Protein backbone atom coordinates (compact mmCIF):
# COMPACT_ATOMS: atom_id res chain seq x y z
CA UNK A 1 121.19 144.78 49.87
CA UNK A 2 120.38 147.93 48.10
CA UNK A 3 119.30 150.84 50.20
CA UNK A 4 116.26 152.95 49.44
CA UNK A 5 116.76 156.45 48.09
CA UNK A 6 115.84 157.92 51.46
CA UNK A 7 118.44 155.84 53.27
CA UNK A 8 121.07 156.64 50.64
CA UNK A 9 120.44 160.41 50.98
CA UNK A 10 120.56 160.15 54.78
CA UNK A 11 123.80 158.15 54.63
CA UNK A 12 125.37 160.68 52.24
CA UNK A 13 124.34 163.48 54.61
CA UNK A 14 122.41 165.40 51.95
CA UNK A 15 119.21 165.47 54.03
CA UNK A 16 118.40 165.28 57.73
CA UNK A 17 116.08 162.78 59.40
CA UNK A 18 113.47 165.50 59.94
CA UNK A 19 113.50 166.48 56.24
CA UNK A 20 113.16 162.84 55.18
CA UNK A 21 110.10 162.30 57.43
CA UNK A 22 108.49 165.49 56.15
CA UNK A 23 109.01 164.43 52.52
CA UNK A 24 107.54 160.99 53.29
CA UNK A 25 104.45 162.56 54.86
CA UNK A 26 103.95 164.89 51.91
CA UNK A 27 104.13 162.07 49.37
CA UNK A 28 101.66 159.93 51.33
CA UNK A 29 99.27 162.91 51.59
CA UNK A 30 99.53 163.52 47.85
CA UNK A 31 98.75 159.88 47.12
CA UNK A 32 95.78 160.00 49.47
CA UNK A 33 94.47 163.16 47.77
CA UNK A 34 94.77 161.55 44.33
CA UNK A 35 92.79 158.51 45.44
CA UNK A 36 90.18 160.68 47.11
CA UNK A 37 89.76 163.07 44.20
CA UNK A 38 89.54 160.33 41.58
CA UNK A 39 85.96 160.53 40.29
CA UNK A 40 84.33 157.21 39.41
CA UNK A 41 83.13 156.89 35.86
CA UNK A 42 79.38 157.06 35.21
CA UNK A 43 79.36 153.33 34.46
CA UNK A 44 81.02 152.55 37.77
CA UNK A 45 78.58 154.83 39.59
CA UNK A 46 75.53 153.22 37.98
CA UNK A 47 76.89 149.72 38.67
CA UNK A 48 77.49 150.74 42.27
CA UNK A 49 73.94 152.11 42.56
CA UNK A 50 72.49 148.94 41.06
CA UNK A 51 74.50 146.76 43.42
CA UNK A 52 73.36 148.87 46.37
CA UNK A 53 69.71 148.64 45.24
CA UNK A 54 69.97 144.87 44.75
CA UNK A 55 71.50 144.44 48.21
CA UNK A 56 68.74 146.57 49.73
CA UNK A 57 66.06 144.47 47.98
CA UNK A 58 67.69 141.23 49.20
CA UNK A 59 67.92 142.57 52.73
CA UNK A 60 64.27 143.64 52.71
CA UNK A 61 63.16 140.23 51.38
CA UNK A 62 65.25 138.48 54.02
CA UNK A 63 63.81 140.69 56.78
CA UNK A 64 60.28 140.06 55.53
CA UNK A 65 60.92 136.30 55.49
CA UNK A 66 62.34 136.40 59.03
CA UNK A 67 59.32 138.39 60.25
CA UNK A 68 56.94 135.86 58.66
CA UNK A 69 58.81 132.99 60.30
CA UNK A 70 58.69 134.74 63.68
CA UNK A 71 54.95 135.37 63.26
CA UNK A 72 54.37 131.71 62.34
CA UNK A 73 56.31 130.56 65.41
CA UNK A 74 54.28 132.95 67.56
CA UNK A 75 51.00 131.58 66.14
CA UNK A 76 52.09 128.00 66.84
CA UNK A 77 53.12 128.89 70.40
CA UNK A 78 49.82 130.71 70.94
CA UNK A 79 47.91 127.73 69.55
CA UNK A 80 49.81 125.30 71.75
CA UNK A 81 49.16 127.44 74.81
CA UNK A 82 45.45 127.76 73.98
CA UNK A 83 45.09 123.99 73.58
CA UNK A 84 47.05 123.32 76.79
CA UNK A 85 44.80 125.67 78.77
CA UNK A 86 41.45 124.43 77.48
CA UNK A 87 41.93 120.74 76.78
CA UNK A 88 39.78 118.22 78.55
CA UNK A 89 41.69 115.98 80.93
CA UNK A 90 43.12 112.91 79.17
CA UNK A 91 41.57 109.59 80.10
CA UNK A 92 42.94 106.07 80.38
CA UNK A 93 40.43 103.80 78.73
CA UNK A 94 40.15 100.73 76.56
CA UNK A 95 37.35 102.44 74.64
CA UNK A 96 38.54 104.46 71.65
CA UNK A 97 36.94 107.05 69.40
CA UNK A 98 38.12 106.70 65.79
CA UNK A 99 38.28 109.71 63.49
CA UNK A 100 39.73 110.57 60.11
CA UNK A 101 42.67 112.96 59.95
CA UNK A 102 43.55 113.65 56.34
CA UNK A 103 43.83 110.20 54.78
CA UNK A 104 44.52 108.28 57.98
CA UNK A 105 42.19 106.88 60.60
CA UNK A 106 43.32 107.85 64.08
CA UNK A 107 41.91 106.98 67.46
CA UNK A 108 41.86 108.57 70.85
CA UNK A 109 40.87 106.98 74.19
CA UNK A 110 37.50 108.20 75.48
CA UNK A 111 34.95 107.47 78.13
CA UNK A 112 31.30 106.94 77.18
CA UNK A 113 30.52 110.50 78.29
CA UNK A 114 33.31 111.96 76.10
CA UNK A 115 32.13 109.84 73.17
CA UNK A 116 28.63 111.27 73.61
CA UNK A 117 30.03 114.81 73.70
CA UNK A 118 31.98 114.17 70.48
CA UNK A 119 28.95 112.72 68.72
CA UNK A 120 26.69 115.61 69.84
CA UNK A 121 29.31 118.16 68.82
CA UNK A 122 29.97 119.72 72.24
CA UNK A 123 33.60 118.62 72.06
CA UNK A 124 36.15 118.74 69.24
CA UNK A 125 39.46 117.07 68.51
CA UNK A 126 42.41 119.39 67.91
CA UNK A 127 45.87 118.55 66.62
CA UNK A 128 49.01 120.34 67.77
CA UNK A 129 52.57 119.09 67.66
CA UNK A 130 51.63 115.55 66.67
CA UNK A 131 49.20 115.16 69.57
CA UNK A 132 45.43 115.00 69.56
CA UNK A 133 43.50 116.65 72.38
CA UNK A 134 39.82 116.94 73.21
CA UNK A 135 38.54 120.48 73.64
CA UNK A 136 35.19 122.10 74.39
CA UNK A 137 33.45 123.51 71.32
CA UNK A 138 33.62 127.05 72.75
CA UNK A 139 37.38 127.21 72.12
CA UNK A 140 37.15 125.97 68.52
CA UNK A 141 36.58 129.43 66.93
CA UNK A 142 39.63 130.85 68.71
CA UNK A 143 41.76 127.94 67.50
CA UNK A 144 40.39 128.22 63.96
CA UNK A 145 41.51 131.88 63.88
CA UNK A 146 45.11 130.83 64.48
CA UNK A 147 45.23 127.63 62.40
CA UNK A 148 42.23 126.28 60.46
CA UNK A 149 43.92 122.87 60.07
CA UNK A 150 44.31 122.39 63.83
CA UNK A 151 40.69 121.31 64.38
CA UNK A 152 40.31 117.73 63.14
CA UNK A 153 36.64 117.15 63.94
CA UNK A 154 34.06 119.78 64.65
CA UNK A 155 30.31 120.26 64.30
CA UNK A 156 30.90 122.71 61.42
CA UNK A 157 32.76 120.16 59.31
CA UNK A 158 30.01 117.61 59.70
CA UNK A 159 30.36 113.89 59.54
CA UNK A 160 31.97 112.13 56.57
CA UNK A 161 28.59 110.54 55.79
CA UNK A 162 27.06 113.98 55.24
CA UNK A 163 29.70 114.80 52.61
CA UNK A 164 28.93 111.87 50.32
CA UNK A 165 28.19 112.67 46.69
CA UNK A 166 24.75 112.01 45.19
CA UNK A 167 25.97 109.01 43.20
CA UNK A 168 27.04 107.15 46.35
CA UNK A 169 25.69 103.57 46.18
CA UNK A 170 25.35 103.44 49.99
CA UNK A 171 23.35 106.62 50.40
CA UNK A 172 20.13 104.71 51.11
CA UNK A 173 21.65 102.75 54.00
CA UNK A 174 21.26 104.21 57.46
CA UNK A 175 24.30 104.22 59.71
CA UNK A 176 23.37 103.75 63.36
CA UNK A 177 24.50 106.47 65.77
CA UNK A 178 25.89 104.02 68.29
CA UNK A 179 28.20 102.34 65.80
CA UNK A 180 31.73 102.09 67.13
CA UNK A 181 34.41 101.65 64.52
């Protein structure tokens, strides 16, 4: 194997170990100074600035998205807690109240008294986490603040019969109030 110049000089006795270490330190310091003093070109500097600005914009967008997700989770948790605190006790009954949620007809077990409250508008049906709960009307505004889609039926939305267009062929037929469907 060939020896490095340093080892050859040491072997020949031309330099001492101390001198060889000092020369090695000086060369490494000179290389470090050259790297440090090398000025980047204007193109490299502008590319670096653009990359830094792009990274900052991405980071800000990501932080904003994370904050929005955290706020949405907080609203859902607040809504769930509000519904849990104010819901009317669930009943076991063979009598059901049917209502429309979106495009589907759903039903919830009710007693005759709860049915009367729903028809009069002193109770509402709220949806949270795939469940439907009965709530007093007083809590509906607080729930609507957090999620307008959470209230399925309310006195403000009116009945589906009230929303019929003028050209409805069944507009002249009266629907009895005690109709159970």
